[in-house]
Amino acid sequence: MKTQRPITRDDEHVVLKFRPRTSACPPGRREESGDQARTSPAANDLSRYARPGDEPDDFRHRMLANIAAFAFAVALTAIGIWLAMSIADLRKTQDCVLMGRHDCARISGLPRG
């Protein structure tokens, strides 16, 4: 049996040369000057994010924001736990019904006796 090989031409194969990335010249921040790409000194300057020294720290606002974030995290955790327990309970009930049993549903509010 004859094996089939794809027909290839020499002009389809091209070798690409990749230059390694360095932290000195990120892809989006290049300024061409001759053969070397350089970053501007303002790109690495973090002083624009610093707060002025004469501005007082608003401790009360920061604490209220922290309390609100903590309350939101606690609420999300509680909702997640409730949802997981509800899904587990529904799964148990569904498994019971699929087995053909008739006493699967919980009846609350009826007197025992």
N, C-alpha and C. Protein backbone atom coordinates (compact mmCIF):
# COMPACT_ATOMS: atom_id res chain seq x y z
N MET A 1 0.84 -1.18 0.00
CA MET A 1 0.00 0.00 0.00
C MET A 1 0.88 1.24 0.00
N LYS A 2 0.52 2.19 -0.77
CA LYS A 2 1.29 3.41 -0.94
C LYS A 2 0.86 4.43 0.13
N THR A 3 1.82 5.05 0.83
CA THR A 3 1.48 6.07 1.83
C THR A 3 1.34 7.41 1.14
N GLN A 4 0.42 8.17 1.62
CA GLN A 4 0.17 9.49 1.03
C GLN A 4 0.84 10.56 1.89
N ARG A 5 1.55 11.43 1.24
CA ARG A 5 2.21 12.53 1.92
C ARG A 5 1.68 13.83 1.34
N PRO A 6 1.53 14.84 2.18
CA PRO A 6 1.06 16.12 1.64
C PRO A 6 2.11 16.75 0.72
N ILE A 7 1.63 17.41 -0.28
CA ILE A 7 2.52 18.10 -1.20
C ILE A 7 2.90 19.43 -0.57
N THR A 8 4.19 19.65 -0.41
CA THR A 8 4.66 20.90 0.20
C THR A 8 5.55 21.64 -0.79
N ARG A 9 5.51 22.93 -0.68
CA ARG A 9 6.39 23.77 -1.49
C ARG A 9 7.36 24.47 -0.55
N ASP A 10 8.49 24.84 -1.09
CA ASP A 10 9.52 25.48 -0.26
C ASP A 10 9.14 26.88 0.18
N ASP A 11 8.27 27.56 -0.56
CA ASP A 11 7.91 28.92 -0.19
C ASP A 11 6.88 28.98 0.94
N GLU A 12 6.35 27.83 1.37
CA GLU A 12 5.39 27.80 2.48
C GLU A 12 6.07 27.81 3.83
N HIS A 13 7.32 27.41 3.89
CA HIS A 13 8.03 27.29 5.17
C HIS A 13 8.85 28.54 5.42
N VAL A 14 8.53 29.22 6.49
CA VAL A 14 9.23 30.45 6.84
C VAL A 14 9.66 30.35 8.30
N VAL A 15 10.91 30.67 8.57
CA VAL A 15 11.43 30.66 9.93
C VAL A 15 11.31 32.08 10.49
N LEU A 16 10.63 32.20 11.61
CA LEU A 16 10.46 33.49 12.26
C LEU A 16 11.45 33.63 13.39
N LYS A 17 12.04 34.79 13.52
CA LYS A 17 13.00 35.04 14.58
C LYS A 17 12.30 35.82 15.69
N PHE A 18 12.27 35.29 16.89
CA PHE A 18 11.63 35.94 18.03
C PHE A 18 12.69 36.54 18.93
N ARG A 19 12.42 37.79 19.36
CA ARG A 19 13.30 38.45 20.31
C ARG A 19 12.74 38.24 21.71
N PRO A 20 13.58 37.94 22.68
CA PRO A 20 13.07 37.76 24.06
C PRO A 20 12.56 39.07 24.62
N ARG A 21 11.52 38.98 25.42
CA ARG A 21 10.97 40.17 26.07
C ARG A 21 11.82 40.52 27.27
N THR A 22 11.93 41.79 27.53
CA THR A 22 12.62 42.25 28.73
C THR A 22 11.71 43.24 29.43
N SER A 23 11.94 43.41 30.73
CA SER A 23 11.11 44.34 31.49
C SER A 23 11.42 45.79 31.13
N ALA A 24 12.55 46.03 30.48
CA ALA A 24 12.92 47.40 30.13
C ALA A 24 12.09 47.94 28.98
N CYS A 25 11.56 47.05 28.14
CA CYS A 25 10.78 47.53 27.01
C CYS A 25 9.51 46.71 26.85
N PRO A 26 8.45 47.06 27.61
CA PRO A 26 7.18 46.34 27.45
C PRO A 26 6.59 46.62 26.07
N PRO A 27 5.75 45.70 25.55
CA PRO A 27 5.26 45.82 24.19
C PRO A 27 4.49 47.09 23.88
N GLY A 28 3.71 47.61 24.81
CA GLY A 28 2.86 48.76 24.52
C GLY A 28 3.53 50.11 24.73
N ARG A 29 4.69 50.15 25.33
CA ARG A 29 5.31 51.42 25.74
C ARG A 29 6.62 51.70 25.01
N ARG A 30 6.70 51.42 23.75
CA ARG A 30 7.96 51.61 23.04
C ARG A 30 8.04 52.99 22.42
N GLU A 31 9.21 53.56 22.53
CA GLU A 31 9.52 54.80 21.83
C GLU A 31 10.76 54.51 21.01
N GLU A 32 10.62 54.48 19.73
CA GLU A 32 11.74 54.12 18.86
C GLU A 32 12.75 55.26 18.81
N SER A 33 13.99 54.95 19.11
CA SER A 33 15.09 55.90 18.96
C SER A 33 16.29 55.10 18.49
N GLY A 34 16.51 55.09 17.20
CA GLY A 34 17.59 54.30 16.65
C GLY A 34 17.18 52.83 16.61
N ASP A 35 18.07 51.95 17.07
CA ASP A 35 17.78 50.52 17.05
C ASP A 35 17.20 50.02 18.36
N GLN A 36 17.32 50.81 19.43
CA GLN A 36 16.85 50.34 20.73
C GLN A 36 15.55 51.03 21.10
N ALA A 37 14.66 50.24 21.74
CA ALA A 37 13.40 50.81 22.23
C ALA A 37 13.57 51.12 23.71
N ARG A 38 13.14 52.33 24.11
CA ARG A 38 13.28 52.73 25.51
C ARG A 38 11.93 53.13 26.05
N THR A 39 11.77 52.98 27.37
CA THR A 39 10.53 53.41 28.02
C THR A 39 10.74 54.81 28.57
N SER A 40 9.66 55.54 28.65
CA SER A 40 9.75 56.89 29.20
C SER A 40 9.87 56.80 30.71
N PRO A 41 10.56 57.74 31.35
CA PRO A 41 10.71 57.68 32.81
C PRO A 41 9.39 57.85 33.54
N ALA A 42 8.39 58.46 32.91
CA ALA A 42 7.10 58.65 33.56
C ALA A 42 6.32 57.34 33.66
N ALA A 43 6.68 56.34 32.85
CA ALA A 43 5.96 55.07 32.89
C ALA A 43 6.19 54.33 34.19
N ASN A 44 7.38 54.49 34.80
CA ASN A 44 7.70 53.78 36.05
C ASN A 44 7.54 54.66 37.28
N ASP A 45 7.07 55.88 37.11
CA ASP A 45 6.92 56.81 38.22
C ASP A 45 5.59 56.57 38.92
N LEU A 46 5.63 56.30 40.23
CA LEU A 46 4.42 56.04 41.00
C LEU A 46 3.99 57.24 41.83
N SER A 47 4.64 58.37 41.64
CA SER A 47 4.31 59.54 42.46
C SER A 47 2.91 60.08 42.16
N ARG A 48 2.38 59.79 40.99
CA ARG A 48 1.03 60.27 40.68
C ARG A 48 -0.04 59.57 41.51
N TYR A 49 0.29 58.41 42.10
CA TYR A 49 -0.65 57.70 42.96
C TYR A 49 -0.48 58.04 44.44
N ALA A 50 0.57 58.74 44.78
CA ALA A 50 0.84 59.09 46.17
C ALA A 50 -0.08 60.23 46.60
N ARG A 51 -0.48 60.18 47.87
CA ARG A 51 -1.34 61.22 48.41
C ARG A 51 -0.48 62.36 48.95
N PRO A 52 -0.92 63.58 48.79
CA PRO A 52 -0.14 64.70 49.34
C PRO A 52 -0.01 64.59 50.85
N GLY A 53 1.11 65.05 51.38
CA GLY A 53 1.37 64.95 52.81
C GLY A 53 0.48 65.83 53.66
N ASP A 54 -0.02 66.94 53.11
CA ASP A 54 -0.83 67.86 53.92
C ASP A 54 -2.29 67.42 54.02
N GLU A 55 -2.71 66.42 53.25
CA GLU A 55 -4.10 65.96 53.29
C GLU A 55 -4.28 64.99 54.47
N PRO A 56 -5.24 65.25 55.38
CA PRO A 56 -5.42 64.38 56.54
C PRO A 56 -6.04 63.03 56.14
N ASP A 57 -5.72 62.01 56.91
CA ASP A 57 -6.25 60.67 56.67
C ASP A 57 -7.66 60.59 57.23
N ASP A 58 -8.63 60.19 56.42
CA ASP A 58 -10.02 60.09 56.85
C ASP A 58 -10.26 58.70 57.43
N PHE A 59 -9.89 58.52 58.71
CA PHE A 59 -9.98 57.22 59.36
C PHE A 59 -11.42 56.74 59.46
N ARG A 60 -12.34 57.62 59.77
CA ARG A 60 -13.75 57.23 59.94
C ARG A 60 -14.32 56.68 58.63
N HIS A 61 -14.05 57.34 57.53
CA HIS A 61 -14.56 56.89 56.24
C HIS A 61 -13.95 55.53 55.86
N ARG A 62 -12.66 55.38 56.13
CA ARG A 62 -11.99 54.12 55.82
C ARG A 62 -12.55 52.97 56.65
N MET A 63 -12.83 53.21 57.92
CA MET A 63 -13.39 52.17 58.79
C MET A 63 -14.81 51.80 58.35
N LEU A 64 -15.62 52.79 57.96
CA LEU A 64 -16.97 52.49 57.47
C LEU A 64 -16.92 51.68 56.18
N ALA A 65 -15.99 52.00 55.32
CA ALA A 65 -15.83 51.23 54.08
C ALA A 65 -15.40 49.80 54.38
N ASN A 66 -14.51 49.62 55.35
CA ASN A 66 -14.07 48.27 55.75
C ASN A 66 -15.21 47.47 56.35
N ILE A 67 -16.02 48.11 57.18
CA ILE A 67 -17.17 47.42 57.79
C ILE A 67 -18.18 47.03 56.72
N ALA A 68 -18.43 47.92 55.78
CA ALA A 68 -19.37 47.61 54.70
C ALA A 68 -18.85 46.45 53.85
N ALA A 69 -17.56 46.43 53.55
CA ALA A 69 -16.98 45.34 52.77
C ALA A 69 -17.04 44.03 53.53
N PHE A 70 -16.79 44.07 54.84
CA PHE A 70 -16.87 42.86 55.65
C PHE A 70 -18.30 42.34 55.71
N ALA A 71 -19.28 43.24 55.89
CA ALA A 71 -20.69 42.82 55.93
C ALA A 71 -21.10 42.20 54.59
N PHE A 72 -20.65 42.78 53.49
CA PHE A 72 -20.95 42.23 52.17
C PHE A 72 -20.34 40.84 52.01
N ALA A 73 -19.11 40.65 52.47
CA ALA A 73 -18.46 39.34 52.37
C ALA A 73 -19.18 38.30 53.23
N VAL A 74 -19.62 38.70 54.43
CA VAL A 74 -20.36 37.78 55.30
C VAL A 74 -21.70 37.41 54.66
N ALA A 75 -22.39 38.40 54.08
CA ALA A 75 -23.66 38.12 53.42
C ALA A 75 -23.48 37.17 52.24
N LEU A 76 -22.46 37.39 51.44
CA LEU A 76 -22.20 36.49 50.31
C LEU A 76 -21.88 35.08 50.78
N THR A 77 -21.12 34.96 51.86
CA THR A 77 -20.80 33.64 52.41
C THR A 77 -22.05 32.95 52.92
N ALA A 78 -22.90 33.67 53.64
CA ALA A 78 -24.13 33.08 54.17
C ALA A 78 -25.06 32.64 53.04
N ILE A 79 -25.19 33.46 52.00
CA ILE A 79 -26.03 33.10 50.86
C ILE A 79 -25.47 31.87 50.16
N GLY A 80 -24.15 31.79 50.03
CA GLY A 80 -23.52 30.63 49.40
C GLY A 80 -23.75 29.35 50.18
N ILE A 81 -23.64 29.42 51.51
CA ILE A 81 -23.88 28.24 52.34
C ILE A 81 -25.34 27.83 52.26
N TRP A 82 -26.26 28.79 52.34
CA TRP A 82 -27.69 28.47 52.22
C TRP A 82 -28.00 27.84 50.87
N LEU A 83 -27.44 28.37 49.81
CA LEU A 83 -27.68 27.84 48.48
C LEU A 83 -27.14 26.42 48.34
N ALA A 84 -25.96 26.16 48.88
CA ALA A 84 -25.38 24.82 48.81
C ALA A 84 -26.23 23.82 49.59
N MET A 85 -26.73 24.22 50.76
CA MET A 85 -27.57 23.31 51.56
C MET A 85 -28.91 23.06 50.87
N SER A 86 -29.47 24.10 50.25
CA SER A 86 -30.74 23.92 49.52
C SER A 86 -30.57 22.98 48.34
N ILE A 87 -29.49 23.13 47.61
CA ILE A 87 -29.25 22.25 46.47
C ILE A 87 -29.04 20.82 46.94
N ALA A 88 -28.33 20.62 48.05
CA ALA A 88 -28.12 19.27 48.58
C ALA A 88 -29.44 18.65 49.02
N ASP A 89 -30.31 19.45 49.64
CA ASP A 89 -31.61 18.94 50.08
C ASP A 89 -32.48 18.56 48.88
N LEU A 90 -32.48 19.40 47.86
CA LEU A 90 -33.24 19.09 46.64
C LEU A 90 -32.71 17.83 45.97
N ARG A 91 -31.41 17.65 46.00
CA ARG A 91 -30.81 16.45 45.40
C ARG A 91 -31.24 15.20 46.16
N LYS A 92 -31.25 15.28 47.48
CA LYS A 92 -31.70 14.12 48.27
C LYS A 92 -33.15 13.79 47.96
N THR A 93 -33.99 14.82 47.88
CA THR A 93 -35.40 14.59 47.57
C THR A 93 -35.56 14.01 46.16
N GLN A 94 -34.80 14.51 45.21
CA GLN A 94 -34.89 14.00 43.85
C GLN A 94 -34.41 12.55 43.78
N ASP A 95 -33.35 12.21 44.47
CA ASP A 95 -32.87 10.83 44.49
C ASP A 95 -33.92 9.90 45.09
N CYS A 96 -34.60 10.38 46.14
CA CYS A 96 -35.64 9.58 46.80
C CYS A 96 -36.79 9.33 45.84
N VAL A 97 -37.23 10.36 45.12
CA VAL A 97 -38.35 10.22 44.18
C VAL A 97 -37.96 9.31 43.02
N LEU A 98 -36.74 9.43 42.53
CA LEU A 98 -36.30 8.60 41.41
C LEU A 98 -36.15 7.13 41.79
N MET A 99 -36.01 6.85 43.09
CA MET A 99 -35.96 5.45 43.54
C MET A 99 -37.37 4.86 43.64
N GLY A 100 -38.38 5.69 43.49
CA GLY A 100 -39.76 5.20 43.52
C GLY A 100 -40.42 5.25 44.87
N ARG A 101 -39.82 5.92 45.82
CA ARG A 101 -40.41 6.01 47.16
C ARG A 101 -41.47 7.11 47.16
N HIS A 102 -42.42 6.99 48.07
CA HIS A 102 -43.52 7.94 48.15
C HIS A 102 -43.46 8.82 49.39
N ASP A 103 -42.55 8.56 50.28
CA ASP A 103 -42.47 9.35 51.54
C ASP A 103 -41.26 10.28 51.53
N CYS A 104 -41.00 10.91 50.43
CA CYS A 104 -39.80 11.72 50.27
C CYS A 104 -39.97 13.15 50.79
N ALA A 105 -41.11 13.75 50.59
CA ALA A 105 -41.30 15.16 50.94
C ALA A 105 -41.49 15.31 52.44
N ARG A 106 -40.87 16.35 52.98
CA ARG A 106 -41.04 16.66 54.39
C ARG A 106 -42.32 17.48 54.53
N ILE A 107 -43.12 17.15 55.48
CA ILE A 107 -44.32 17.90 55.75
C ILE A 107 -44.14 18.59 57.09
N SER A 108 -44.10 19.90 57.06
CA SER A 108 -43.89 20.65 58.30
C SER A 108 -45.20 21.30 58.72
N GLY A 109 -45.36 21.48 59.99
CA GLY A 109 -46.54 22.14 60.49
C GLY A 109 -47.63 21.19 60.94
N LEU A 110 -47.51 19.91 60.66
CA LEU A 110 -48.52 18.96 61.10
C LEU A 110 -48.16 18.45 62.48
N PRO A 111 -49.16 18.26 63.35
CA PRO A 111 -48.86 17.73 64.69
C PRO A 111 -48.43 16.27 64.59
N ARG A 112 -47.51 15.93 65.44
CA ARG A 112 -47.05 14.53 65.49
C ARG A 112 -47.93 13.76 66.45
N GLY A 113 -48.18 12.58 66.05
CA GLY A 113 -48.93 11.84 67.04
C GLY A 113 -49.74 10.78 66.54
